[in-house]
N, C-alpha and C. Protein backbone atom coordinates (compact mmCIF):
# COMPACT_ATOMS: atom_id res chain seq x y z
N UNK A 1 -5.42 -13.55 -12.74
CA UNK A 1 -4.44 -13.15 -11.76
C UNK A 1 -3.17 -12.64 -12.44
N UNK A 2 -3.32 -11.81 -13.42
CA UNK A 2 -2.19 -11.25 -14.12
C UNK A 2 -1.39 -10.32 -13.23
N UNK A 3 -2.02 -9.74 -12.21
CA UNK A 3 -1.36 -8.80 -11.33
C UNK A 3 -0.23 -9.45 -10.56
N UNK A 4 -0.35 -10.73 -10.22
CA UNK A 4 0.70 -11.38 -9.44
C UNK A 4 1.99 -11.48 -10.24
N UNK A 5 1.91 -11.68 -11.57
CA UNK A 5 3.10 -11.70 -12.41
C UNK A 5 3.76 -10.34 -12.45
N UNK A 6 2.97 -9.29 -12.56
CA UNK A 6 3.51 -7.93 -12.58
C UNK A 6 4.13 -7.59 -11.23
N UNK A 7 3.49 -8.01 -10.15
CA UNK A 7 4.04 -7.76 -8.82
C UNK A 7 5.35 -8.47 -8.61
N UNK A 8 5.43 -9.70 -9.10
CA UNK A 8 6.66 -10.47 -8.99
C UNK A 8 7.79 -9.81 -9.78
N UNK A 9 7.48 -9.34 -10.98
CA UNK A 9 8.48 -8.65 -11.80
C UNK A 9 8.95 -7.38 -11.12
N UNK A 10 8.01 -6.65 -10.49
CA UNK A 10 8.37 -5.43 -9.79
C UNK A 10 9.31 -5.74 -8.63
N UNK A 11 9.01 -6.79 -7.87
CA UNK A 11 9.88 -7.16 -6.75
C UNK A 11 11.28 -7.54 -7.23
N UNK A 12 11.35 -8.29 -8.33
CA UNK A 12 12.65 -8.66 -8.88
C UNK A 12 13.42 -7.42 -9.35
N UNK A 13 12.68 -6.49 -9.97
CA UNK A 13 13.32 -5.25 -10.42
C UNK A 13 13.87 -4.47 -9.25
N UNK A 14 13.07 -4.31 -8.20
CA UNK A 14 13.51 -3.56 -7.02
C UNK A 14 14.70 -4.25 -6.37
N UNK A 15 14.63 -5.58 -6.26
CA UNK A 15 15.75 -6.32 -5.68
C UNK A 15 17.02 -6.15 -6.49
N UNK A 16 16.90 -6.23 -7.81
CA UNK A 16 18.06 -6.05 -8.69
C UNK A 16 18.63 -4.64 -8.59
N UNK A 17 17.72 -3.66 -8.53
CA UNK A 17 18.18 -2.28 -8.40
C UNK A 17 18.91 -2.08 -7.09
N UNK A 18 18.40 -2.67 -6.01
CA UNK A 18 19.06 -2.53 -4.70
C UNK A 18 20.44 -3.17 -4.73
N UNK A 19 20.56 -4.32 -5.36
CA UNK A 19 21.86 -4.98 -5.45
C UNK A 19 22.82 -4.14 -6.28
N UNK A 20 22.32 -3.60 -7.39
CA UNK A 20 23.15 -2.76 -8.25
C UNK A 20 23.65 -1.52 -7.54
N UNK A 21 22.76 -0.88 -6.80
CA UNK A 21 23.16 0.32 -6.05
C UNK A 21 24.18 -0.05 -4.98
N UNK A 22 23.98 -1.16 -4.31
CA UNK A 22 24.92 -1.58 -3.27
C UNK A 22 26.31 -1.84 -3.86
N UNK A 23 26.35 -2.54 -4.98
CA UNK A 23 27.65 -2.82 -5.62
C UNK A 23 28.31 -1.51 -6.06
N UNK A 24 27.51 -0.61 -6.64
CA UNK A 24 28.07 0.67 -7.08
C UNK A 24 28.63 1.45 -5.90
N UNK A 25 27.91 1.43 -4.78
CA UNK A 25 28.40 2.15 -3.60
C UNK A 25 29.66 1.53 -3.03
N UNK A 26 29.76 0.20 -3.10
CA UNK A 26 30.95 -0.46 -2.57
C UNK A 26 32.20 -0.11 -3.38
N UNK A 27 32.02 0.12 -4.66
CA UNK A 27 33.16 0.45 -5.51
C UNK A 27 33.35 1.96 -5.68
N UNK A 28 32.49 2.75 -5.08
CA UNK A 28 32.60 4.21 -5.19
C UNK A 28 33.74 4.70 -4.31
N UNK A 29 34.46 5.70 -4.80
CA UNK A 29 35.58 6.24 -3.99
C UNK A 29 35.05 7.19 -2.91
N UNK A 30 34.63 6.63 -1.80
CA UNK A 30 34.15 7.44 -0.69
C UNK A 30 34.67 6.84 0.60
N UNK A 31 34.59 7.62 1.66
CA UNK A 31 35.04 7.13 2.96
C UNK A 31 34.14 5.97 3.41
N UNK A 32 34.69 5.11 4.23
CA UNK A 32 33.94 3.95 4.70
C UNK A 32 32.66 4.33 5.41
N UNK A 33 32.71 5.35 6.25
CA UNK A 33 31.51 5.76 6.98
C UNK A 33 30.46 6.31 6.03
N UNK A 34 30.90 7.06 5.04
CA UNK A 34 29.95 7.60 4.04
C UNK A 34 29.33 6.47 3.23
N UNK A 35 30.12 5.51 2.84
CA UNK A 35 29.61 4.37 2.08
C UNK A 35 28.61 3.57 2.91
N UNK A 36 28.92 3.33 4.18
CA UNK A 36 28.00 2.61 5.05
C UNK A 36 26.69 3.38 5.23
N UNK A 37 26.78 4.70 5.35
CA UNK A 37 25.58 5.52 5.47
C UNK A 37 24.72 5.40 4.21
N UNK A 38 25.37 5.45 3.06
CA UNK A 38 24.63 5.32 1.79
C UNK A 38 23.97 3.95 1.67
N UNK A 39 24.70 2.91 2.03
CA UNK A 39 24.13 1.55 1.97
C UNK A 39 22.94 1.44 2.91
N UNK A 40 23.08 2.00 4.11
CA UNK A 40 21.97 1.98 5.07
C UNK A 40 20.75 2.70 4.53
N UNK A 41 20.97 3.87 3.91
CA UNK A 41 19.85 4.64 3.36
C UNK A 41 19.20 3.88 2.20
N UNK A 42 20.00 3.28 1.36
CA UNK A 42 19.47 2.52 0.22
C UNK A 42 18.69 1.31 0.71
N UNK A 43 19.23 0.63 1.71
CA UNK A 43 18.54 -0.54 2.26
C UNK A 43 17.22 -0.14 2.89
N UNK A 44 17.21 0.96 3.62
CA UNK A 44 15.97 1.43 4.25
C UNK A 44 14.93 1.77 3.18
N UNK A 45 15.37 2.43 2.12
CA UNK A 45 14.44 2.76 1.03
C UNK A 45 13.88 1.52 0.37
N UNK A 46 14.72 0.54 0.15
CA UNK A 46 14.26 -0.72 -0.44
C UNK A 46 13.30 -1.46 0.47
N UNK A 47 13.59 -1.44 1.75
CA UNK A 47 12.72 -2.09 2.73
C UNK A 47 11.35 -1.42 2.75
N UNK A 48 11.31 -0.09 2.73
CA UNK A 48 10.04 0.63 2.71
C UNK A 48 9.26 0.33 1.43
N UNK A 49 9.98 0.27 0.32
CA UNK A 49 9.32 -0.02 -0.96
C UNK A 49 8.72 -1.42 -0.96
N UNK A 50 9.46 -2.39 -0.46
CA UNK A 50 8.95 -3.76 -0.39
C UNK A 50 7.76 -3.86 0.57
N UNK A 51 7.82 -3.14 1.68
CA UNK A 51 6.71 -3.16 2.62
C UNK A 51 5.47 -2.55 1.97
N UNK A 52 5.66 -1.47 1.22
CA UNK A 52 4.54 -0.86 0.51
C UNK A 52 3.94 -1.80 -0.51
N UNK A 53 4.80 -2.51 -1.25
CA UNK A 53 4.31 -3.48 -2.23
C UNK A 53 3.55 -4.61 -1.54
N UNK A 54 4.05 -5.03 -0.39
CA UNK A 54 3.36 -6.08 0.36
C UNK A 54 1.99 -5.64 0.83
N UNK A 55 1.90 -4.40 1.31
CA UNK A 55 0.60 -3.87 1.74
C UNK A 55 -0.37 -3.79 0.57
N UNK A 56 0.13 -3.33 -0.59
CA UNK A 56 -0.73 -3.23 -1.77
C UNK A 56 -1.22 -4.61 -2.18
N UNK A 57 -0.33 -5.60 -2.17
CA UNK A 57 -0.72 -6.96 -2.54
C UNK A 57 -1.74 -7.52 -1.55
N UNK A 58 -1.56 -7.24 -0.26
CA UNK A 58 -2.49 -7.69 0.75
C UNK A 58 -3.87 -7.08 0.53
N UNK A 59 -3.91 -5.77 0.27
CA UNK A 59 -5.19 -5.09 0.05
C UNK A 59 -5.86 -5.63 -1.21
N UNK A 60 -5.09 -5.86 -2.25
CA UNK A 60 -5.65 -6.41 -3.50
C UNK A 60 -6.23 -7.81 -3.23
N UNK A 61 -5.52 -8.61 -2.46
CA UNK A 61 -6.01 -9.94 -2.10
C UNK A 61 -7.29 -9.86 -1.29
N UNK A 62 -7.36 -8.92 -0.39
CA UNK A 62 -8.56 -8.74 0.42
C UNK A 62 -9.75 -8.35 -0.47
N UNK A 63 -9.51 -7.44 -1.41
CA UNK A 63 -10.58 -7.03 -2.33
C UNK A 63 -11.07 -8.22 -3.15
N UNK A 64 -10.14 -9.02 -3.67
CA UNK A 64 -10.52 -10.18 -4.47
C UNK A 64 -11.29 -11.19 -3.63
N UNK A 65 -10.87 -11.38 -2.38
CA UNK A 65 -11.56 -12.30 -1.48
C UNK A 65 -12.99 -11.84 -1.25
N UNK A 66 -13.15 -10.55 -0.95
CA UNK A 66 -14.50 -10.02 -0.70
C UNK A 66 -15.38 -10.14 -1.94
N UNK A 67 -14.82 -9.85 -3.11
CA UNK A 67 -15.61 -9.97 -4.34
C UNK A 67 -16.00 -11.43 -4.59
N UNK A 68 -15.08 -12.35 -4.38
CA UNK A 68 -15.38 -13.77 -4.54
C UNK A 68 -16.43 -14.25 -3.55
N UNK A 69 -16.32 -13.78 -2.33
CA UNK A 69 -17.30 -14.15 -1.30
C UNK A 69 -18.70 -13.65 -1.67
N UNK A 70 -18.78 -12.45 -2.21
CA UNK A 70 -20.06 -11.90 -2.63
C UNK A 70 -20.66 -12.72 -3.76
N UNK A 71 -19.82 -13.11 -4.72
CA UNK A 71 -20.29 -13.93 -5.84
C UNK A 71 -20.81 -15.27 -5.35
N UNK A 72 -20.09 -15.89 -4.42
CA UNK A 72 -20.52 -17.18 -3.88
C UNK A 72 -21.83 -17.04 -3.12
N UNK A 73 -21.96 -15.97 -2.33
CA UNK A 73 -23.22 -15.74 -1.60
C UNK A 73 -24.39 -15.55 -2.56
N UNK A 74 -24.17 -14.79 -3.64
CA UNK A 74 -25.23 -14.58 -4.62
C UNK A 74 -25.60 -15.89 -5.32
N UNK A 75 -24.60 -16.70 -5.64
CA UNK A 75 -24.87 -17.98 -6.30
C UNK A 75 -25.65 -18.91 -5.37
N UNK A 76 -25.30 -18.93 -4.09
CA UNK A 76 -26.02 -19.77 -3.13
C UNK A 76 -27.46 -19.30 -2.99
N UNK A 77 -27.64 -17.98 -2.99
CA UNK A 77 -28.99 -17.43 -2.90
C UNK A 77 -29.82 -17.81 -4.13
N UNK A 78 -29.24 -17.72 -5.31
CA UNK A 78 -29.96 -18.10 -6.54
C UNK A 78 -30.28 -19.59 -6.53
N UNK A 79 -29.35 -20.41 -6.08
CA UNK A 79 -29.58 -21.84 -6.00
C UNK A 79 -30.76 -22.14 -5.06
N UNK A 80 -30.79 -21.47 -3.92
CA UNK A 80 -31.87 -21.67 -2.96
C UNK A 80 -33.21 -21.25 -3.55
N UNK A 81 -33.23 -20.11 -4.26
CA UNK A 81 -34.48 -19.68 -4.89
C UNK A 81 -34.95 -20.69 -5.92
N UNK A 82 -34.03 -21.22 -6.71
CA UNK A 82 -34.38 -22.23 -7.70
C UNK A 82 -34.92 -23.49 -7.05
N UNK A 83 -34.31 -23.90 -5.96
CA UNK A 83 -34.77 -25.08 -5.24
C UNK A 83 -36.18 -24.86 -4.70
N UNK A 84 -36.43 -23.67 -4.16
CA UNK A 84 -37.77 -23.37 -3.64
C UNK A 84 -38.80 -23.36 -4.77
N UNK A 85 -38.44 -22.82 -5.91
CA UNK A 85 -39.37 -22.82 -7.05
C UNK A 85 -39.71 -24.25 -7.47
N UNK A 86 -38.70 -25.11 -7.47
CA UNK A 86 -38.94 -26.50 -7.83
C UNK A 86 -39.81 -27.20 -6.78
N UNK A 87 -39.60 -26.90 -5.52
CA UNK A 87 -40.40 -27.49 -4.44
C UNK A 87 -41.85 -27.01 -4.49
N UNK A 88 -42.04 -25.73 -4.87
CA UNK A 88 -43.37 -25.13 -4.88
C UNK A 88 -44.15 -25.45 -6.17
N UNK A 89 -43.47 -25.90 -7.21
CA UNK A 89 -44.14 -26.17 -8.49
C UNK A 89 -45.03 -27.41 -8.36
N UNK A 90 -46.18 -27.39 -9.02
CA UNK A 90 -47.03 -28.58 -9.00
C UNK A 90 -46.30 -29.76 -9.64
N UNK A 91 -46.52 -30.94 -9.10
CA UNK A 91 -45.80 -32.11 -9.58
C UNK A 91 -46.16 -32.47 -11.02
N UNK A 92 -47.37 -32.15 -11.49
CA UNK A 92 -47.72 -32.47 -12.86
C UNK A 92 -47.13 -31.48 -13.86
N UNK A 93 -46.60 -30.32 -13.39
CA UNK A 93 -45.99 -29.33 -14.28
C UNK A 93 -44.59 -29.79 -14.68
N UNK A 94 -44.02 -30.67 -13.93
CA UNK A 94 -42.68 -31.15 -14.23
C UNK A 94 -42.78 -32.27 -15.20
């Protein structure tokens, strides 16, 4: 699960970048309405980016779940075949 560490780092990076941009905009020599517009645009962009990251993480989790479920189903099937072979084997062969 190395991807979760990379995803966490990406979220921290995006959060830090958003905070940095917000601070820079607050100290920028611009009109209040212009600064508020910039902050709103930056916040919206960050929100969209985080939502996209969340969707990607969800899809990755779904893929891993499906792959794990397939492995478990195959293992159960192999176990059942082995059990049937043992049941069908002559008792003196064991």
